[in-house]
Amino acid sequence: MASESIHISVHIARPPAEVYEYAADPARLPEWAPGLCSAVERDGDRWYAISGDDRIELTFPPDNPFGVLDHTVHLPTGEVFHNPLRVVPHDDGSELVFTLRRQAGMSDADFARDSGLVRADLEALKRIVEAR
């Protein structure tokens, strides 16, 4: 059985290429995604997010013209989470869409909490990009 997914989106009053350029830079993650990390480190071709005492490996797609910002989170426990994230044209700007998937055994309260954290991160990215 497939897990439940919800799509969380924000409209950003900037062209898709501008939103993509900002969001595609892993070094900027702590600016707009404090729910994921407080710092990032690059080690050769690998990126690591620092979250509390954990060092989490992140993998990203190559630069692309399609607005695909998917990323994979590799936890120290060995768990791996694929996170779809897209920038798409919408009216006079862009829509940033994150697909949040409910993990096995996750309570409704935890799923709602994660949804709120993702929304806060997307809203932070919106504020930053629109202020540039």
Protein backbone atom coordinates (compact mmCIF):
# COMPACT_ATOMS: atom_id res chain seq x y z
CA MET A 1 0.00 0.00 0.00
CA ALA A 2 1.31 3.44 -0.94
CA SER A 3 1.93 5.91 1.84
CA GLU A 4 -0.15 9.05 2.12
CA SER A 5 1.24 12.18 0.48
CA ILE A 6 0.27 15.82 0.63
CA HIS A 7 1.47 18.68 -1.54
CA ILE A 8 2.47 21.85 0.25
CA SER A 9 2.92 24.89 -1.94
CA VAL A 10 3.53 28.62 -1.86
CA HIS A 11 3.25 31.21 -4.60
CA ILE A 12 6.40 33.28 -5.06
CA ALA A 13 6.22 36.56 -6.96
CA ARG A 14 9.45 35.92 -8.85
CA PRO A 15 10.25 34.11 -12.11
CA PRO A 16 10.84 30.35 -11.82
CA ALA A 17 14.49 30.65 -12.90
CA GLU A 18 15.18 33.09 -10.06
CA VAL A 19 13.49 30.87 -7.45
CA TYR A 20 15.30 27.82 -8.79
CA GLU A 21 18.70 29.55 -8.76
CA TYR A 22 18.33 30.47 -5.10
CA ALA A 23 16.80 27.21 -3.87
CA ALA A 24 19.15 24.95 -5.85
CA ASP A 25 22.20 26.14 -3.89
CA PRO A 26 22.67 23.71 -0.96
CA ALA A 27 24.78 26.30 0.87
CA ARG A 28 21.61 28.40 1.32
CA LEU A 29 19.59 25.67 3.05
CA PRO A 30 20.17 26.98 6.59
CA GLU A 31 18.75 30.36 5.51
CA TRP A 32 15.36 28.99 4.53
CA ALA A 33 15.13 25.44 5.89
CA PRO A 34 16.08 25.59 9.58
CA GLY A 35 13.73 22.64 10.11
CA LEU A 36 16.23 20.56 8.16
CA CYS A 37 19.57 22.01 9.26
CA SER A 38 21.45 24.77 11.00
CA ALA A 39 24.53 24.49 8.75
CA VAL A 40 25.78 22.67 5.67
CA GLU A 41 29.19 21.31 4.78
CA ARG A 42 30.59 20.30 1.44
CA ASP A 43 33.05 17.42 1.25
CA GLY A 44 34.13 16.95 -2.36
CA ASP A 45 30.97 16.14 -4.33
CA ARG A 46 28.94 15.42 -1.18
CA TRP A 47 26.80 17.75 0.90
CA TYR A 48 26.05 17.29 4.59
CA ALA A 49 23.43 19.04 6.68
CA ILE A 50 24.12 19.61 10.35
CA SER A 51 21.00 19.06 12.41
CA GLY A 52 21.54 19.03 16.15
CA ASP A 53 24.29 16.49 16.75
CA ASP A 54 23.63 14.68 13.46
CA ARG A 55 25.49 15.01 10.18
CA ILE A 56 23.01 14.11 7.44
CA GLU A 57 24.10 13.41 3.88
CA LEU A 58 22.05 15.14 1.19
CA THR A 59 22.00 14.34 -2.50
CA PHE A 60 20.59 16.64 -5.16
CA PRO A 61 19.79 16.34 -8.86
CA PRO A 62 22.08 17.98 -11.39
CA ASP A 63 21.17 21.50 -12.46
CA ASN A 64 18.22 21.30 -14.82
CA PRO A 65 15.86 23.60 -16.73
CA PHE A 66 12.74 21.88 -15.35
CA GLY A 67 12.68 23.28 -11.80
CA VAL A 68 13.37 19.89 -10.21
CA LEU A 69 14.84 20.40 -6.73
CA ASP A 70 14.24 16.90 -5.40
CA HIS A 71 16.65 15.87 -2.69
CA THR A 72 17.41 12.71 -0.80
CA VAL A 73 18.15 12.74 2.92
CA HIS A 74 20.40 9.96 4.25
CA LEU A 75 20.11 9.74 8.04
CA PRO A 76 22.91 8.32 10.21
CA THR A 77 20.50 5.47 11.11
CA GLY A 78 20.57 4.31 7.50
CA GLU A 79 17.07 5.58 6.76
CA VAL A 80 16.71 7.31 3.40
CA PHE A 81 13.98 9.79 2.48
CA HIS A 82 13.30 11.08 -1.03
CA ASN A 83 11.75 14.55 -1.00
CA PRO A 84 10.17 15.83 -4.23
CA LEU A 85 10.43 19.62 -4.57
CA ARG A 86 9.57 21.57 -7.72
CA VAL A 87 9.47 25.13 -8.96
CA VAL A 88 6.82 25.60 -11.63
CA PRO A 89 5.59 28.69 -13.50
CA HIS A 90 2.37 30.07 -12.03
CA ASP A 91 0.56 33.24 -13.12
CA ASP A 92 2.99 36.13 -12.73
CA GLY A 93 5.57 34.16 -10.75
CA SER A 94 6.25 30.68 -9.47
CA GLU A 95 4.75 27.97 -7.36
CA LEU A 96 7.10 26.02 -5.11
CA VAL A 97 5.65 22.57 -4.37
CA PHE A 98 6.96 20.09 -1.80
CA THR A 99 5.51 16.58 -1.56
CA LEU A 100 5.43 15.37 2.04
CA ARG A 101 5.02 11.65 2.53
CA ARG A 102 3.74 10.11 5.73
CA GLN A 103 6.30 7.69 7.11
CA ALA A 104 5.31 4.24 8.37
CA GLY A 105 3.88 4.42 11.87
CA MET A 106 3.69 8.23 11.85
CA SER A 107 0.83 9.60 13.93
CA ASP A 108 -1.60 12.21 12.61
CA ALA A 109 -0.09 14.73 15.03
CA ASP A 110 3.46 14.07 13.80
CA PHE A 111 2.36 14.29 10.16
CA ALA A 112 0.62 17.60 10.86
CA ARG A 113 3.73 18.88 12.71
CA ASP A 114 5.98 17.93 9.77
CA SER A 115 3.56 19.61 7.38
CA GLY A 116 3.73 22.80 9.43
CA LEU A 117 7.54 22.72 9.47
CA VAL A 118 7.69 22.27 5.69
CA ARG A 119 5.21 25.11 5.16
CA ALA A 120 7.30 27.38 7.43
CA ASP A 121 10.43 26.56 5.41
CA LEU A 122 8.70 27.29 2.09
CA GLU A 123 7.30 30.56 3.47
CA ALA A 124 10.82 31.53 4.60
CA LEU A 125 12.18 30.84 1.10
CA LYS A 126 9.34 32.94 -0.35
CA ARG A 127 10.17 35.91 1.93
CA ILE A 128 13.88 35.71 1.10
CA VAL A 129 13.49 35.42 -2.67
CA GLU A 130 10.81 38.10 -2.92
CA ALA A 131 13.01 40.51 -0.91
CA ARG A 132 16.00 40.11 -3.27
